[in-house]
N, C-alpha and C. Protein backbone atom coordinates (compact mmCIF):
# COMPACT_ATOMS: atom_id res chain seq x y z
N UNK A 1 154.50 49.67 86.54
CA UNK A 1 154.59 51.08 85.89
C UNK A 1 155.64 51.80 85.44
N UNK A 2 156.14 52.58 84.52
CA UNK A 2 157.07 53.16 84.53
C UNK A 2 157.22 54.40 85.18
N UNK A 3 158.22 55.15 85.01
CA UNK A 3 158.28 56.41 85.45
C UNK A 3 157.10 57.49 85.16
N UNK A 4 157.03 57.43 83.70
CA UNK A 4 155.85 58.65 83.29
C UNK A 4 154.65 58.28 83.67
N UNK A 5 154.23 56.89 83.44
CA UNK A 5 152.63 56.21 84.05
C UNK A 5 152.86 56.67 85.65
N UNK A 6 153.59 56.10 86.21
CA UNK A 6 153.36 56.69 87.79
C UNK A 6 153.39 57.74 88.02
N UNK A 7 154.08 58.69 87.44
CA UNK A 7 153.64 60.18 87.75
C UNK A 7 152.09 60.39 87.46
N UNK A 8 151.83 60.09 86.17
CA UNK A 8 150.44 60.29 85.75
C UNK A 8 149.38 59.56 86.91
N UNK A 9 149.50 58.39 87.02
CA UNK A 9 149.18 57.92 88.66
C UNK A 9 149.02 58.68 89.79
N UNK A 10 150.18 58.74 90.08
CA UNK A 10 150.06 59.51 91.07
C UNK A 10 149.16 60.73 91.16
N UNK A 11 149.32 61.34 90.19
CA UNK A 11 148.46 63.03 90.22
C UNK A 11 147.13 62.60 90.33
N UNK A 12 146.72 61.73 89.49
CA UNK A 12 145.18 61.09 89.69
C UNK A 12 144.97 60.61 90.78
N UNK A 13 145.58 59.73 91.47
CA UNK A 13 145.37 58.97 92.99
C UNK A 13 145.54 60.34 94.22
N UNK A 14 145.99 61.34 94.16
CA UNK A 14 146.28 62.34 94.79
C UNK A 14 145.10 63.26 94.52
N UNK A 15 144.71 63.45 93.30
CA UNK A 15 143.33 64.15 93.57
C UNK A 15 142.21 63.75 93.95
N UNK A 16 141.86 62.12 93.63
CA UNK A 16 140.96 61.47 94.48
C UNK A 16 140.97 61.85 95.91
N UNK A 17 142.32 61.21 96.53
CA UNK A 17 142.56 61.24 97.92
C UNK A 17 142.12 62.69 98.37
N UNK A 18 142.51 64.01 97.91
CA UNK A 18 142.49 64.86 98.48
C UNK A 18 140.86 65.92 98.01
N UNK A 19 140.41 64.88 97.06
CA UNK A 19 138.76 65.39 96.73
C UNK A 19 138.87 66.79 96.09
N UNK A 20 139.77 66.66 94.69
CA UNK A 20 140.18 67.69 94.04
C UNK A 20 139.43 67.41 92.77
N UNK A 21 138.96 67.97 92.05
CA UNK A 21 138.25 67.73 90.56
C UNK A 21 139.27 67.76 89.40
N UNK A 22 139.37 66.67 88.90
CA UNK A 22 140.39 66.65 87.86
C UNK A 22 139.77 65.93 86.86
N UNK A 23 139.87 66.40 85.49
CA UNK A 23 139.81 65.44 84.06
C UNK A 23 141.22 65.35 83.75
N UNK A 24 141.36 63.86 83.34
CA UNK A 24 142.50 63.90 82.78
C UNK A 24 142.35 62.90 81.55
N UNK A 25 143.33 63.33 80.23
CA UNK A 25 143.35 62.98 79.13
C UNK A 25 144.33 62.33 78.92
N UNK A 26 144.66 60.69 78.76
CA UNK A 26 145.85 60.17 78.41
C UNK A 26 145.93 59.85 76.95
N UNK A 27 147.23 60.33 76.58
CA UNK A 27 147.34 60.21 75.22
C UNK A 27 148.98 60.03 74.66
N UNK A 28 149.27 59.29 73.69
CA UNK A 28 150.73 58.85 73.08
C UNK A 28 150.41 57.95 72.16
N UNK A 29 151.60 57.76 71.80
CA UNK A 29 151.91 56.87 70.59
C UNK A 29 151.45 55.42 70.84
N UNK A 30 150.85 54.46 69.79
CA UNK A 30 150.72 52.95 70.09
C UNK A 30 151.96 52.10 70.67
N UNK A 31 151.35 51.54 71.52
CA UNK A 31 152.39 50.64 72.54
C UNK A 31 152.79 51.42 73.70
N UNK A 32 152.75 52.44 73.98
CA UNK A 32 153.25 53.35 75.44
C UNK A 32 152.77 53.02 76.16
N UNK A 33 151.59 52.48 76.62
CA UNK A 33 151.20 51.69 77.62
C UNK A 33 149.71 52.49 78.58
N UNK A 34 149.42 53.17 77.49
CA UNK A 34 148.16 53.91 77.63
C UNK A 34 146.93 52.62 78.20
N UNK A 35 146.43 51.94 77.73
CA UNK A 35 145.46 51.31 78.01
C UNK A 35 146.13 50.45 79.39
N UNK A 36 147.21 49.53 79.63
CA UNK A 36 147.67 49.52 81.04
C UNK A 36 147.56 50.44 81.77
N UNK A 37 148.14 51.83 81.87
CA UNK A 37 147.96 52.78 82.61
C UNK A 37 146.35 53.04 83.14
N UNK A 38 145.50 52.89 82.34
CA UNK A 38 144.08 53.82 82.53
C UNK A 38 143.45 52.41 83.40
N UNK A 39 143.70 50.91 82.74
CA UNK A 39 142.93 50.11 83.66
C UNK A 39 143.50 49.91 84.85
N UNK A 40 144.76 50.12 85.22
CA UNK A 40 145.63 50.04 86.42
C UNK A 40 145.01 51.26 87.58
N UNK A 41 144.58 52.42 86.72
CA UNK A 41 143.92 53.29 87.64
C UNK A 41 142.46 52.99 88.03
N UNK A 42 141.82 52.33 86.79
CA UNK A 42 140.19 52.03 87.24
C UNK A 42 140.25 51.14 88.20
N UNK A 43 141.40 50.02 87.84
CA UNK A 43 141.13 49.10 88.79
C UNK A 43 141.11 48.97 90.11
N UNK A 44 142.27 50.10 90.62
CA UNK A 44 142.54 50.52 91.81
C UNK A 44 141.53 51.61 92.33
N UNK A 45 140.99 52.33 91.34
CA UNK A 45 139.63 53.44 92.03
C UNK A 45 138.17 52.45 92.71
N UNK A 46 138.21 51.45 91.55
CA UNK A 46 136.87 50.54 91.68
C UNK A 46 137.20 49.81 92.74
N UNK A 47 138.31 49.19 93.03
CA UNK A 47 138.72 48.22 94.61
C UNK A 47 138.48 48.96 95.64
N UNK A 48 138.42 50.22 95.50
CA UNK A 48 138.31 51.17 96.71
C UNK A 48 136.90 51.90 96.71
N UNK A 49 135.75 51.52 96.06
CA UNK A 49 134.30 51.53 95.98
C UNK A 49 134.18 52.79 95.04
N UNK A 50 135.13 53.44 94.55
CA UNK A 50 134.89 55.06 93.74
C UNK A 50 134.18 54.22 92.41
N UNK A 51 133.20 55.14 91.75
CA UNK A 51 133.01 55.26 90.73
C UNK A 51 133.64 55.71 89.71
N UNK A 52 134.00 54.69 88.58
CA UNK A 52 134.87 55.16 87.74
C UNK A 52 134.46 55.29 86.03
N UNK A 53 134.41 56.32 84.90
CA UNK A 53 133.97 56.32 83.95
C UNK A 53 134.75 56.68 82.99
N UNK A 54 135.57 55.32 82.57
CA UNK A 54 136.48 55.32 81.56
C UNK A 54 136.17 55.92 79.71
N UNK A 55 136.48 56.65 79.30
CA UNK A 55 136.13 57.09 77.78
C UNK A 55 137.08 57.42 77.05
N UNK A 56 136.70 56.74 75.80
CA UNK A 56 137.97 56.78 74.69
C UNK A 56 137.10 57.77 73.62
N UNK A 57 137.78 58.67 72.73
CA UNK A 57 137.32 59.32 71.55
C UNK A 57 136.66 58.07 70.46
N UNK A 58 137.16 56.89 70.26
CA UNK A 58 136.56 56.17 69.70
C UNK A 58 136.26 54.97 70.20
N UNK A 59 134.69 54.24 69.41
CA UNK A 59 134.39 53.10 70.16
C UNK A 59 135.59 51.94 69.88
N UNK A 60 136.57 52.16 69.10
CA UNK A 60 137.31 50.89 69.28
C UNK A 60 138.08 51.02 70.61
N UNK A 61 138.74 52.28 70.61
CA UNK A 61 139.52 52.63 71.98
C UNK A 61 138.50 52.18 73.25
N UNK A 62 137.39 52.71 73.72
CA UNK A 62 136.54 52.26 74.64
C UNK A 62 136.49 50.65 74.71
N UNK A 63 136.39 50.12 73.89
CA UNK A 63 135.90 48.86 73.71
C UNK A 63 137.07 48.25 75.16
N UNK A 64 138.48 48.91 75.09
CA UNK A 64 139.57 48.20 75.94
C UNK A 64 139.72 48.37 77.41
N UNK A 65 138.56 48.89 77.45
CA UNK A 65 138.47 49.32 79.02
C UNK A 65 137.04 48.81 79.53
N UNK A 66 137.40 48.03 81.02
CA UNK A 66 135.89 47.47 81.33
C UNK A 66 134.77 48.70 81.52
N UNK A 67 133.55 48.74 80.90
CA UNK A 67 132.82 49.69 81.10
C UNK A 67 133.09 50.96 80.23
N UNK A 68 134.01 50.85 79.52
CA UNK A 68 134.40 52.18 78.87
C UNK A 68 133.28 52.52 77.66
N UNK A 69 133.02 53.54 77.44
CA UNK A 69 132.28 54.32 76.16
C UNK A 69 133.17 55.67 75.70
N UNK A 70 132.16 55.74 74.56
CA UNK A 70 132.99 56.75 73.75
C UNK A 70 132.71 58.14 74.37
N UNK A 71 133.40 58.74 74.62
CA UNK A 71 133.29 60.84 75.11
C UNK A 71 132.18 60.89 75.07
N UNK A 72 131.69 60.99 73.43
CA UNK A 72 130.55 61.45 73.35
C UNK A 72 129.21 61.23 73.85
N UNK A 73 129.14 59.63 73.94
CA UNK A 73 127.74 58.87 74.29
C UNK A 73 127.67 59.25 75.91
N UNK A 74 128.73 59.66 76.66
CA UNK A 74 128.64 59.73 77.89
C UNK A 74 128.43 61.32 78.24
N UNK A 75 129.14 62.21 77.55
CA UNK A 75 128.77 63.62 77.65
C UNK A 75 127.88 64.66 76.84
N UNK A 76 127.03 63.69 75.69
CA UNK A 76 126.06 64.15 74.90
C UNK A 76 124.83 64.99 75.81
């Protein structure tokens, strides 16, 4: 993870560790490592037994995440 990715990773992991509610939205230009970051976070949390529901705004983006769904289909 680069420095910016690690900052996001740490913020999310701290929220989970301290049982603080957090809704995170990761966005950025193509090729910036969004998919890598989200998959890293999902894999870490799942390895610790957490339930993770990755969502994306499009079906194309959602298919990049194991178990990913569109935000609309999860929260309708």
